[in-house]
Amino acid sequence: LREVIRNGLAIVEILVMDDLEWRDEVARKGGVALICDIAKQWRHSPNLLCQVMSCISYLTAEDYIEVMFCQHEALEHIACVLGAEQYTKNVELITRTCLALLNLTVCEPHVEELLEKNTITPILEIFDRHSADLHLAVILCGLVVNFSVKQEARDLLAEGGLFPRVAQAMRADLSNAVLQVACMKALVNYSMDPGHYELMEQEDIPS
C-alpha cells in the first residue's frame, strides 16, 4: 500500500506542478480530501509527508483550492509537522511544509486559524535550526509577510525574537538580492509600529 500511495502522489505531483487544468481536475475529482486523508493516515512517514506537502504546495497556488484544503483540515497536518521535533530536523520535509503553508496562508482567515492552533511562533525555531539554509530563510520570510496581516501575529513574533533572526538572515549573504528583498518585505508591516521599529533598531536592521 505504501508503494501504491508513493507512486500515486508522485504522479499527482508531476501533473499539478505547472498545469492549471490538472490542478482543477484533481480538485474536482476529490483529490483534496484524498491528499488530506493520506496526510492523516501516514503522519508517521516523513517520506510520504514530503510528497503530500509538495502536492499541497502546487495545488494551493490556486486560491479556491487553498480554501478547499483548509476546509479539509490541511492546517492541522501542517501544525503536526511544525510541532514535532523529529520533523523539524528534516530539512526537506520542513522546506516542503513551509512552502505548502506559504500558499495556505494567503487568506487572512487561515492566519487566524493558525493563531488559534498556536502555530505562528514555531517558524522562529525553524529559523534557528536551519539558519544556514538561505533558501528556507526566503520561504520563512514569506510566511512572516503572510502572518503579519494580523496584529496579534506580529506581536507574538516580535516578542518571540523575530528581528534578531531576520537580521542574521540579512547578514548571511548581503549580495543575495532574493534573500534581501524577502527580508525587507518581512519587515514592512512591522516598520509602521514604533515599538517594533525600536526593536529593529536594537538589531541595527535599519542601517
N, C-alpha and C. Protein backbone atom coordinates (compact mmCIF):
# COMPACT_ATOMS: atom_id res chain seq x y z
N LEU A 1 0.83 -1.21 0.00
CA LEU A 1 0.00 0.00 0.00
C LEU A 1 0.86 1.26 0.00
N ARG A 2 1.93 1.24 0.78
CA ARG A 2 2.82 2.41 0.83
C ARG A 2 3.37 2.74 -0.56
N GLU A 3 3.77 1.70 -1.31
CA GLU A 3 4.34 1.94 -2.64
C GLU A 3 3.29 2.48 -3.61
N VAL A 4 2.07 1.97 -3.49
CA VAL A 4 0.97 2.46 -4.34
C VAL A 4 0.74 3.94 -4.07
N ILE A 5 0.65 4.30 -2.78
CA ILE A 5 0.42 5.70 -2.42
C ILE A 5 1.59 6.57 -2.86
N ARG A 6 2.82 6.07 -2.64
CA ARG A 6 4.00 6.84 -3.01
C ARG A 6 4.01 7.16 -4.50
N ASN A 7 3.73 6.15 -5.31
CA ASN A 7 3.71 6.36 -6.76
C ASN A 7 2.53 7.22 -7.20
N GLY A 8 1.39 7.03 -6.54
CA GLY A 8 0.23 7.85 -6.87
C GLY A 8 0.47 9.32 -6.59
N LEU A 9 1.06 9.61 -5.45
CA LEU A 9 1.37 11.00 -5.11
C LEU A 9 2.41 11.59 -6.08
N ALA A 10 3.36 10.75 -6.49
CA ALA A 10 4.38 11.22 -7.44
C ALA A 10 3.74 11.63 -8.76
N ILE A 11 2.76 10.85 -9.20
CA ILE A 11 2.05 11.16 -10.45
C ILE A 11 1.28 12.48 -10.31
N VAL A 12 0.55 12.60 -9.20
CA VAL A 12 -0.22 13.83 -8.97
C VAL A 12 0.71 15.04 -8.93
N GLU A 13 1.85 14.88 -8.25
CA GLU A 13 2.79 15.98 -8.13
C GLU A 13 3.26 16.47 -9.49
N ILE A 14 3.58 15.54 -10.37
CA ILE A 14 4.05 15.90 -11.72
C ILE A 14 2.93 16.59 -12.51
N LEU A 15 1.71 16.07 -12.39
CA LEU A 15 0.58 16.61 -13.16
C LEU A 15 0.25 18.05 -12.75
N VAL A 16 0.29 18.34 -11.45
CA VAL A 16 -0.19 19.65 -10.98
C VAL A 16 0.93 20.68 -10.82
N MET A 17 2.16 20.28 -11.09
CA MET A 17 3.31 21.16 -10.84
C MET A 17 3.16 22.51 -11.55
N ASP A 18 2.85 22.49 -12.83
CA ASP A 18 2.79 23.73 -13.61
C ASP A 18 1.53 23.83 -14.47
N ASP A 19 0.50 23.08 -14.14
CA ASP A 19 -0.65 22.97 -15.04
C ASP A 19 -1.95 23.30 -14.31
N LEU A 20 -2.54 24.44 -14.63
CA LEU A 20 -3.78 24.88 -14.01
C LEU A 20 -4.92 23.89 -14.27
N GLU A 21 -5.01 23.39 -15.51
CA GLU A 21 -6.10 22.48 -15.84
C GLU A 21 -6.04 21.20 -15.01
N TRP A 22 -4.82 20.68 -14.79
CA TRP A 22 -4.69 19.48 -13.97
C TRP A 22 -5.00 19.77 -12.51
N ARG A 23 -4.65 20.96 -12.04
CA ARG A 23 -4.99 21.33 -10.67
C ARG A 23 -6.51 21.34 -10.49
N ASP A 24 -7.20 21.93 -11.47
CA ASP A 24 -8.67 21.95 -11.44
C ASP A 24 -9.22 20.53 -11.45
N GLU A 25 -8.65 19.70 -12.32
CA GLU A 25 -9.14 18.32 -12.46
C GLU A 25 -8.96 17.53 -11.16
N VAL A 26 -7.79 17.63 -10.57
CA VAL A 26 -7.52 16.90 -9.32
C VAL A 26 -8.46 17.40 -8.22
N ALA A 27 -8.66 18.71 -8.14
CA ALA A 27 -9.54 19.27 -7.11
C ALA A 27 -10.98 18.82 -7.31
N ARG A 28 -11.44 18.81 -8.56
CA ARG A 28 -12.83 18.44 -8.85
C ARG A 28 -13.11 16.97 -8.58
N LYS A 29 -12.07 16.14 -8.73
CA LYS A 29 -12.26 14.69 -8.60
C LYS A 29 -12.00 14.18 -7.18
N GLY A 30 -11.98 15.09 -6.21
CA GLY A 30 -11.82 14.66 -4.81
C GLY A 30 -10.38 14.53 -4.35
N GLY A 31 -9.45 15.10 -5.09
CA GLY A 31 -8.04 14.96 -4.75
C GLY A 31 -7.66 15.65 -3.45
N VAL A 32 -8.34 16.75 -3.13
CA VAL A 32 -8.01 17.50 -1.91
C VAL A 32 -8.28 16.64 -0.67
N ALA A 33 -9.48 16.08 -0.61
CA ALA A 33 -9.84 15.23 0.54
C ALA A 33 -8.93 14.01 0.62
N LEU A 34 -8.61 13.42 -0.54
CA LEU A 34 -7.76 12.23 -0.58
C LEU A 34 -6.37 12.53 -0.04
N ILE A 35 -5.78 13.65 -0.47
CA ILE A 35 -4.44 14.01 -0.03
C ILE A 35 -4.42 14.28 1.48
N CYS A 36 -5.47 14.93 1.99
CA CYS A 36 -5.54 15.18 3.43
C CYS A 36 -5.74 13.88 4.21
N ASP A 37 -6.47 12.95 3.65
CA ASP A 37 -6.64 11.63 4.29
C ASP A 37 -5.31 10.90 4.38
N ILE A 38 -4.53 10.98 3.31
CA ILE A 38 -3.20 10.34 3.30
C ILE A 38 -2.31 10.98 4.37
N ALA A 39 -2.37 12.30 4.47
CA ALA A 39 -1.57 13.00 5.49
C ALA A 39 -1.94 12.52 6.89
N LYS A 40 -3.22 12.30 7.11
CA LYS A 40 -3.69 11.85 8.43
C LYS A 40 -3.27 10.42 8.72
N GLN A 41 -3.44 9.54 7.73
CA GLN A 41 -3.16 8.11 7.93
C GLN A 41 -1.67 7.81 7.97
N TRP A 42 -0.87 8.61 7.29
CA TRP A 42 0.57 8.33 7.18
C TRP A 42 1.41 9.43 7.83
N ARG A 43 0.90 10.02 8.90
CA ARG A 43 1.59 11.14 9.54
C ARG A 43 2.90 10.73 10.18
N HIS A 44 3.14 9.43 10.32
CA HIS A 44 4.40 8.97 10.90
C HIS A 44 5.43 8.58 9.83
N SER A 45 5.11 8.89 8.57
CA SER A 45 6.03 8.58 7.48
C SER A 45 6.56 9.88 6.86
N PRO A 46 7.76 10.31 7.23
CA PRO A 46 8.30 11.57 6.69
C PRO A 46 8.36 11.61 5.17
N ASN A 47 8.68 10.47 4.55
CA ASN A 47 8.80 10.45 3.09
C ASN A 47 7.47 10.72 2.41
N LEU A 48 6.41 10.07 2.89
CA LEU A 48 5.10 10.30 2.31
C LEU A 48 4.60 11.70 2.62
N LEU A 49 4.90 12.19 3.81
CA LEU A 49 4.51 13.55 4.16
C LEU A 49 5.19 14.57 3.25
N CYS A 50 6.44 14.29 2.87
CA CYS A 50 7.13 15.17 1.91
C CYS A 50 6.34 15.29 0.61
N GLN A 51 5.88 14.14 0.12
CA GLN A 51 5.12 14.14 -1.13
C GLN A 51 3.78 14.84 -0.96
N VAL A 52 3.13 14.59 0.17
CA VAL A 52 1.86 15.25 0.45
C VAL A 52 2.03 16.76 0.44
N MET A 53 3.07 17.26 1.12
CA MET A 53 3.28 18.70 1.22
C MET A 53 3.61 19.30 -0.15
N SER A 54 4.33 18.56 -0.98
CA SER A 54 4.62 19.05 -2.33
C SER A 54 3.33 19.21 -3.13
N CYS A 55 2.46 18.20 -3.06
CA CYS A 55 1.18 18.26 -3.78
C CYS A 55 0.35 19.44 -3.28
N ILE A 56 0.32 19.63 -1.96
CA ILE A 56 -0.44 20.74 -1.40
C ILE A 56 0.11 22.07 -1.88
N SER A 57 1.43 22.21 -1.88
CA SER A 57 2.03 23.50 -2.26
C SER A 57 1.73 23.85 -3.71
N TYR A 58 1.73 22.85 -4.61
CA TYR A 58 1.42 23.12 -6.02
C TYR A 58 -0.06 23.41 -6.22
N LEU A 59 -0.92 22.61 -5.60
CA LEU A 59 -2.37 22.77 -5.78
C LEU A 59 -2.87 24.09 -5.21
N THR A 60 -2.32 24.50 -4.08
CA THR A 60 -2.82 25.70 -3.42
C THR A 60 -2.30 26.99 -4.06
N ALA A 61 -1.61 26.86 -5.17
CA ALA A 61 -1.29 28.05 -5.95
C ALA A 61 -2.58 28.70 -6.47
N GLU A 62 -3.66 27.90 -6.52
CA GLU A 62 -4.98 28.42 -6.90
C GLU A 62 -5.75 28.75 -5.62
N ASP A 63 -6.27 29.97 -5.55
CA ASP A 63 -6.90 30.45 -4.31
C ASP A 63 -8.05 29.57 -3.85
N TYR A 64 -8.90 29.14 -4.79
CA TYR A 64 -10.06 28.37 -4.38
C TYR A 64 -9.66 26.99 -3.84
N ILE A 65 -8.54 26.45 -4.34
CA ILE A 65 -8.07 25.16 -3.83
C ILE A 65 -7.44 25.35 -2.45
N GLU A 66 -6.84 26.52 -2.22
CA GLU A 66 -6.35 26.84 -0.87
C GLU A 66 -7.48 26.74 0.15
N VAL A 67 -8.63 27.32 -0.21
CA VAL A 67 -9.80 27.28 0.68
C VAL A 67 -10.26 25.85 0.90
N MET A 68 -10.27 25.06 -0.18
CA MET A 68 -10.71 23.66 -0.08
C MET A 68 -9.82 22.88 0.88
N PHE A 69 -8.52 23.08 0.77
CA PHE A 69 -7.59 22.35 1.65
C PHE A 69 -7.82 22.70 3.10
N CYS A 70 -8.05 23.97 3.37
CA CYS A 70 -8.28 24.36 4.77
C CYS A 70 -9.61 23.82 5.28
N GLN A 71 -10.59 23.66 4.40
CA GLN A 71 -11.85 23.03 4.79
C GLN A 71 -11.66 21.57 5.16
N HIS A 72 -10.60 20.95 4.60
CA HIS A 72 -10.30 19.54 4.91
C HIS A 72 -9.17 19.42 5.94
N GLU A 73 -8.98 20.48 6.74
CA GLU A 73 -8.07 20.47 7.88
C GLU A 73 -6.60 20.31 7.52
N ALA A 74 -6.23 20.85 6.37
CA ALA A 74 -4.81 20.78 5.97
C ALA A 74 -3.92 21.49 6.99
N LEU A 75 -4.42 22.58 7.58
CA LEU A 75 -3.60 23.32 8.56
C LEU A 75 -3.32 22.47 9.79
N GLU A 76 -4.21 21.54 10.09
CA GLU A 76 -3.99 20.63 11.22
C GLU A 76 -2.77 19.75 10.96
N HIS A 77 -2.64 19.27 9.73
CA HIS A 77 -1.50 18.42 9.37
C HIS A 77 -0.20 19.23 9.33
N ILE A 78 -0.30 20.48 8.88
CA ILE A 78 0.86 21.37 8.90
C ILE A 78 1.33 21.59 10.35
N ALA A 79 0.36 21.83 11.23
CA ALA A 79 0.67 22.08 12.64
C ALA A 79 1.37 20.88 13.27
N CYS A 80 0.95 19.67 12.87
CA CYS A 80 1.58 18.45 13.41
C CYS A 80 3.05 18.37 13.01
N VAL A 81 3.36 18.73 11.77
CA VAL A 81 4.74 18.69 11.30
C VAL A 81 5.58 19.75 12.02
N LEU A 82 5.05 20.97 12.09
CA LEU A 82 5.81 22.06 12.69
C LEU A 82 6.00 21.88 14.19
N GLY A 83 5.12 21.08 14.81
CA GLY A 83 5.19 20.90 16.25
C GLY A 83 5.98 19.68 16.70
N ALA A 84 6.49 18.90 15.75
CA ALA A 84 7.21 17.68 16.09
C ALA A 84 8.71 17.86 15.83
N GLU A 85 9.50 17.70 16.88
CA GLU A 85 10.95 17.95 16.76
C GLU A 85 11.60 17.04 15.73
N GLN A 86 11.15 15.77 15.66
CA GLN A 86 11.78 14.85 14.70
C GLN A 86 11.52 15.30 13.26
N TYR A 87 10.44 16.04 13.03
CA TYR A 87 10.13 16.52 11.69
C TYR A 87 10.86 17.83 11.39
N THR A 88 10.99 18.71 12.39
CA THR A 88 11.65 19.99 12.13
C THR A 88 13.14 19.81 11.87
N LYS A 89 13.69 18.66 12.26
CA LYS A 89 15.09 18.36 11.94
C LYS A 89 15.26 17.99 10.47
N ASN A 90 14.18 17.51 9.85
CA ASN A 90 14.20 17.02 8.46
C ASN A 90 14.06 18.21 7.53
N VAL A 91 15.17 18.68 6.96
CA VAL A 91 15.16 19.92 6.19
C VAL A 91 14.28 19.81 4.95
N GLU A 92 14.27 18.65 4.30
CA GLU A 92 13.44 18.51 3.10
C GLU A 92 11.96 18.59 3.46
N LEU A 93 11.56 17.88 4.50
CA LEU A 93 10.16 17.89 4.92
C LEU A 93 9.75 19.28 5.39
N ILE A 94 10.59 19.93 6.17
CA ILE A 94 10.22 21.23 6.70
C ILE A 94 10.17 22.28 5.60
N THR A 95 11.04 22.15 4.58
CA THR A 95 11.01 23.10 3.46
C THR A 95 9.71 22.95 2.67
N ARG A 96 9.35 21.70 2.39
CA ARG A 96 8.10 21.47 1.62
C ARG A 96 6.88 21.88 2.43
N THR A 97 6.93 21.65 3.73
CA THR A 97 5.81 22.03 4.59
C THR A 97 5.65 23.54 4.63
N CYS A 98 6.76 24.25 4.73
CA CYS A 98 6.70 25.71 4.76
C CYS A 98 6.23 26.28 3.42
N LEU A 99 6.60 25.64 2.32
CA LEU A 99 6.10 26.06 1.00
C LEU A 99 4.59 25.87 0.92
N ALA A 100 4.11 24.72 1.43
CA ALA A 100 2.66 24.48 1.44
C ALA A 100 1.96 25.52 2.31
N LEU A 101 2.55 25.81 3.47
CA LEU A 101 1.95 26.78 4.39
C LEU A 101 1.94 28.18 3.78
N LEU A 102 2.95 28.48 2.98
CA LEU A 102 3.04 29.79 2.33
C LEU A 102 1.79 30.03 1.47
N ASN A 103 1.38 29.02 0.72
CA ASN A 103 0.20 29.16 -0.13
C ASN A 103 -1.10 29.02 0.66
N LEU A 104 -1.03 28.34 1.80
CA LEU A 104 -2.24 28.14 2.61
C LEU A 104 -2.57 29.34 3.49
N THR A 105 -1.68 30.32 3.54
CA THR A 105 -1.91 31.48 4.40
C THR A 105 -2.06 32.78 3.61
N VAL A 106 -2.43 32.65 2.35
CA VAL A 106 -2.72 33.84 1.55
C VAL A 106 -4.02 34.48 2.06
N CYS A 107 -4.99 33.63 2.45
CA CYS A 107 -6.26 34.11 3.00
C CYS A 107 -6.09 34.45 4.49
N GLU A 108 -6.51 35.63 4.88
CA GLU A 108 -6.37 36.08 6.27
C GLU A 108 -7.04 35.16 7.28
N PRO A 109 -8.24 34.60 6.98
CA PRO A 109 -8.87 33.68 7.95
C PRO A 109 -8.01 32.47 8.29
N HIS A 110 -7.16 32.05 7.35
CA HIS A 110 -6.30 30.90 7.62
C HIS A 110 -5.18 31.28 8.59
N VAL A 111 -4.75 32.54 8.57
CA VAL A 111 -3.78 33.01 9.56
C VAL A 111 -4.44 33.02 10.95
N GLU A 112 -5.71 33.42 10.98
CA GLU A 112 -6.46 33.41 12.25
C GLU A 112 -6.56 31.99 12.80
N GLU A 113 -6.76 31.02 11.90
CA GLU A 113 -6.84 29.62 12.33
C GLU A 113 -5.51 29.16 12.92
N LEU A 114 -4.41 29.58 12.32
CA LEU A 114 -3.09 29.23 12.86
C LEU A 114 -2.88 29.85 14.24
N LEU A 115 -3.37 31.05 14.42
CA LEU A 115 -3.28 31.68 15.74
C LEU A 115 -4.01 30.85 16.79
N GLU A 116 -5.18 30.34 16.42
CA GLU A 116 -5.96 29.51 17.33
C GLU A 116 -5.22 28.21 17.66
N LYS A 117 -4.44 27.71 16.69
CA LYS A 117 -3.71 26.46 16.87
C LYS A 117 -2.32 26.68 17.48
N ASN A 118 -1.99 27.93 17.81
CA ASN A 118 -0.66 28.27 18.34
C ASN A 118 0.46 27.82 17.40
N THR A 119 0.24 28.04 16.09
CA THR A 119 1.20 27.57 15.09
C THR A 119 1.83 28.73 14.34
N ILE A 120 1.97 29.87 15.02
CA ILE A 120 2.64 31.01 14.41
C ILE A 120 4.12 31.03 14.79
N THR A 121 4.40 30.91 16.08
CA THR A 121 5.79 31.06 16.56
C THR A 121 6.72 29.90 16.23
N PRO A 122 6.25 28.67 15.92
CA PRO A 122 7.21 27.61 15.58
C PRO A 122 8.16 27.96 14.44
N ILE A 123 7.78 28.91 13.58
CA ILE A 123 8.71 29.26 12.49
C ILE A 123 9.98 29.89 13.03
N LEU A 124 9.92 30.46 14.24
CA LEU A 124 11.13 31.03 14.84
C LEU A 124 12.15 29.94 15.16
N GLU A 125 11.65 28.81 15.63
CA GLU A 125 12.54 27.67 15.91
C GLU A 125 13.16 27.13 14.63
N ILE A 126 12.38 27.18 13.54
CA ILE A 126 12.90 26.71 12.25
C ILE A 126 14.00 27.65 11.76
N PHE A 127 13.81 28.96 11.95
CA PHE A 127 14.88 29.93 11.65
C PHE A 127 16.17 29.51 12.34
N ASP A 128 16.07 29.15 13.62
CA ASP A 128 17.26 28.80 14.41
C ASP A 128 17.87 27.48 13.96
N ARG A 129 17.02 26.48 13.78
CA ARG A 129 17.52 25.13 13.48
C ARG A 129 18.19 25.06 12.11
N HIS A 130 17.71 25.86 11.16
CA HIS A 130 18.23 25.80 9.79
C HIS A 130 18.74 27.17 9.34
N SER A 131 19.46 27.83 10.22
CA SER A 131 19.91 29.20 9.95
C SER A 131 20.84 29.31 8.74
N ALA A 132 21.51 28.21 8.40
CA ALA A 132 22.44 28.26 7.26
C ALA A 132 21.74 28.02 5.92
N ASP A 133 20.46 27.64 5.96
CA ASP A 133 19.72 27.33 4.73
C ASP A 133 19.03 28.60 4.25
N LEU A 134 19.67 29.30 3.32
CA LEU A 134 19.14 30.60 2.88
C LEU A 134 17.89 30.45 2.03
N HIS A 135 17.77 29.34 1.30
CA HIS A 135 16.53 29.09 0.53
C HIS A 135 15.34 28.98 1.47
N LEU A 136 15.51 28.27 2.56
CA LEU A 136 14.45 28.13 3.55
C LEU A 136 14.19 29.48 4.24
N ALA A 137 15.22 30.27 4.45
CA ALA A 137 15.05 31.59 5.07
C ALA A 137 14.14 32.48 4.22
N VAL A 138 14.29 32.39 2.90
CA VAL A 138 13.43 33.16 1.99
C VAL A 138 11.96 32.74 2.15
N ILE A 139 11.74 31.43 2.25
CA ILE A 139 10.37 30.92 2.42
C ILE A 139 9.81 31.38 3.77
N LEU A 140 10.62 31.30 4.81
CA LEU A 140 10.18 31.72 6.15
C LEU A 140 9.84 33.20 6.16
N CYS A 141 10.60 34.00 5.45
CA CYS A 141 10.29 35.43 5.37
C CYS A 141 8.95 35.65 4.67
N GLY A 142 8.65 34.82 3.67
CA GLY A 142 7.35 34.88 3.01
C GLY A 142 6.22 34.57 3.98
N LEU A 143 6.46 33.60 4.87
CA LEU A 143 5.46 33.28 5.89
C LEU A 143 5.27 34.45 6.86
N VAL A 144 6.37 35.10 7.21
CA VAL A 144 6.27 36.27 8.09
C VAL A 144 5.40 37.35 7.44
N VAL A 145 5.56 37.53 6.14
CA VAL A 145 4.73 38.51 5.41
C VAL A 145 3.26 38.13 5.53
N ASN A 146 2.93 36.87 5.26
CA ASN A 146 1.53 36.42 5.32
C ASN A 146 0.97 36.56 6.73
N PHE A 147 1.78 36.15 7.72
CA PHE A 147 1.31 36.22 9.11
C PHE A 147 1.10 37.66 9.58
N SER A 148 1.88 38.58 9.03
CA SER A 148 1.90 39.94 9.57
C SER A 148 0.66 40.76 9.23
N VAL A 149 -0.29 40.17 8.52
CA VAL A 149 -1.55 40.89 8.29
C VAL A 149 -2.35 41.00 9.58
N LYS A 150 -2.01 40.16 10.58
CA LYS A 150 -2.72 40.18 11.86
C LYS A 150 -1.83 40.79 12.94
N GLN A 151 -2.37 41.77 13.65
CA GLN A 151 -1.62 42.43 14.72
C GLN A 151 -1.16 41.43 15.78
N GLU A 152 -2.04 40.49 16.13
CA GLU A 152 -1.70 39.50 17.16
C GLU A 152 -0.50 38.67 16.74
N ALA A 153 -0.46 38.29 15.47
CA ALA A 153 0.67 37.50 14.97
C ALA A 153 1.95 38.33 14.99
N ARG A 154 1.85 39.60 14.61
CA ARG A 154 3.03 40.48 14.63
C ARG A 154 3.58 40.59 16.05
N ASP A 155 2.69 40.78 17.00
CA ASP A 155 3.13 40.92 18.39
C ASP A 155 3.80 39.64 18.88
N LEU A 156 3.21 38.48 18.56
CA LEU A 156 3.77 37.20 19.00
C LEU A 156 5.17 36.99 18.44
N LEU A 157 5.34 37.27 17.15
CA LEU A 157 6.64 37.05 16.51
C LEU A 157 7.68 38.06 17.00
N ALA A 158 7.25 39.31 17.18
CA ALA A 158 8.20 40.32 17.68
C ALA A 158 8.66 39.97 19.09
N GLU A 159 7.72 39.57 19.93
CA GLU A 159 8.07 39.21 21.31
C GLU A 159 8.92 37.93 21.35
N GLY A 160 8.71 37.07 20.36
CA GLY A 160 9.45 35.80 20.33
C GLY A 160 10.86 35.93 19.79
N GLY A 161 11.20 37.09 19.26
CA GLY A 161 12.56 37.30 18.77
C GLY A 161 12.72 37.21 17.27
N LEU A 162 11.72 37.70 16.53
CA LEU A 162 11.80 37.65 15.07
C LEU A 162 12.96 38.49 14.54
N PHE A 163 13.14 39.69 15.08
CA PHE A 163 14.07 40.64 14.47
C PHE A 163 15.53 40.18 14.51
N PRO A 164 16.02 39.58 15.61
CA PRO A 164 17.40 39.06 15.56
C PRO A 164 17.57 38.00 14.48
N ARG A 165 16.54 37.21 14.26
CA ARG A 165 16.63 36.14 13.26
C ARG A 165 16.63 36.71 11.84
N VAL A 166 15.81 37.72 11.60
CA VAL A 166 15.81 38.36 10.27
C VAL A 166 17.13 39.08 10.04
N ALA A 167 17.64 39.73 11.07
CA ALA A 167 18.93 40.42 10.94
C ALA A 167 20.04 39.42 10.60
N GLN A 168 20.01 38.27 11.26
CA GLN A 168 21.01 37.24 10.98
C GLN A 168 20.91 36.77 9.53
N ALA A 169 19.67 36.59 9.05
CA ALA A 169 19.48 36.16 7.66
C ALA A 169 19.99 37.22 6.69
N MET A 170 19.73 38.50 6.99
CA MET A 170 20.19 39.58 6.12
C MET A 170 21.72 39.60 6.03
N ARG A 171 22.36 39.37 7.17
CA ARG A 171 23.83 39.42 7.19
C ARG A 171 24.48 38.18 6.59
N ALA A 172 23.69 37.12 6.42
CA ALA A 172 24.25 35.85 5.94
C ALA A 172 24.80 35.96 4.52
N ASP A 173 24.15 36.80 3.69
CA ASP A 173 24.63 36.96 2.31
C ASP A 173 24.11 38.29 1.78
N LEU A 174 24.89 39.34 1.95
CA LEU A 174 24.48 40.68 1.55
C LEU A 174 24.34 40.83 0.04
N SER A 175 24.97 39.94 -0.71
CA SER A 175 24.90 40.04 -2.18
C SER A 175 23.74 39.24 -2.77
N ASN A 176 22.99 38.55 -1.92
CA ASN A 176 21.86 37.72 -2.39
C ASN A 176 20.61 38.60 -2.45
N ALA A 177 20.28 39.07 -3.65
CA ALA A 177 19.17 40.02 -3.82
C ALA A 177 17.83 39.41 -3.42
N VAL A 178 17.63 38.14 -3.77
CA VAL A 178 16.36 37.47 -3.44
C VAL A 178 16.16 37.42 -1.92
N LEU A 179 17.23 37.05 -1.22
CA LEU A 179 17.18 36.97 0.23
C LEU A 179 16.92 38.35 0.85
N GLN A 180 17.63 39.36 0.37
CA GLN A 180 17.49 40.70 0.95
C GLN A 180 16.09 41.26 0.74
N VAL A 181 15.53 41.06 -0.46
CA VAL A 181 14.17 41.54 -0.73
C VAL A 181 13.16 40.81 0.16
N ALA A 182 13.35 39.49 0.32
CA ALA A 182 12.44 38.71 1.17
C ALA A 182 12.49 39.22 2.61
N CYS A 183 13.68 39.51 3.11
CA CYS A 183 13.83 40.00 4.49
C CYS A 183 13.17 41.37 4.64
N MET A 184 13.36 42.24 3.67
CA MET A 184 12.78 43.58 3.78
C MET A 184 11.26 43.54 3.68
N LYS A 185 10.74 42.68 2.82
CA LYS A 185 9.28 42.52 2.75
C LYS A 185 8.72 42.03 4.08
N ALA A 186 9.48 41.15 4.73
CA ALA A 186 9.03 40.60 6.01
C ALA A 186 8.90 41.70 7.07
N LEU A 187 9.66 42.78 6.91
CA LEU A 187 9.70 43.83 7.93
C LEU A 187 8.73 44.97 7.67
N VAL A 188 8.14 45.03 6.48
CA VAL A 188 7.33 46.20 6.09
C VAL A 188 6.23 46.49 7.11
N ASN A 189 5.40 45.50 7.42
CA ASN A 189 4.26 45.75 8.31
C ASN A 189 4.70 46.05 9.74
N TYR A 190 5.89 45.63 10.10
CA TYR A 190 6.41 45.92 11.45
C TYR A 190 6.95 47.34 11.55
N SER A 191 7.42 47.89 10.45
CA SER A 191 8.09 49.18 10.48
C SER A 191 7.13 50.33 10.80
N MET A 192 5.82 50.08 10.70
CA MET A 192 4.83 51.12 11.00
C MET A 192 4.52 51.21 12.49
N ASP A 193 5.01 50.26 13.27
CA ASP A 193 4.76 50.24 14.72
C ASP A 193 6.00 50.76 15.45
N PRO A 194 5.88 51.87 16.21
CA PRO A 194 7.06 52.46 16.88
C PRO A 194 7.79 51.46 17.78
N GLY A 195 7.02 50.63 18.52
CA GLY A 195 7.65 49.65 19.41
C GLY A 195 8.45 48.62 18.64
N HIS A 196 7.89 48.15 17.54
CA HIS A 196 8.58 47.16 16.73
C HIS A 196 9.80 47.78 16.04
N TYR A 197 9.64 49.04 15.60
CA TYR A 197 10.77 49.70 14.94
C TYR A 197 11.93 49.89 15.91
N GLU A 198 11.59 50.16 17.16
CA GLU A 198 12.64 50.31 18.18
C GLU A 198 13.40 49.00 18.36
N LEU A 199 12.66 47.87 18.34
CA LEU A 199 13.31 46.56 18.44
C LEU A 199 14.21 46.30 17.22
N MET A 200 13.78 46.76 16.05
CA MET A 200 14.60 46.61 14.85
C MET A 200 15.89 47.43 14.97
N GLU A 201 15.75 48.61 15.54
CA GLU A 201 16.95 49.45 15.71
C GLU A 201 17.95 48.80 16.65
N GLN A 202 17.46 48.09 17.66
CA GLN A 202 18.35 47.38 18.58
C GLN A 202 19.20 46.34 17.86
N GLU A 203 18.66 45.79 16.77
CA GLU A 203 19.40 44.80 15.97
C GLU A 203 20.17 45.45 14.83
N ASP A 204 20.14 46.78 14.77
CA ASP A 204 20.85 47.53 13.73
C ASP A 204 20.31 47.23 12.33
N ILE A 205 19.03 46.84 12.24
CA ILE A 205 18.43 46.48 10.97
C ILE A 205 18.31 47.69 10.02
N PRO A 206 17.86 48.87 10.50
CA PRO A 206 17.73 50.00 9.56
C PRO A 206 19.02 50.33 8.82
N SER A 207 20.13 50.33 9.54
CA SER A 207 21.41 50.67 8.87
C SER A 207 21.89 49.52 8.00
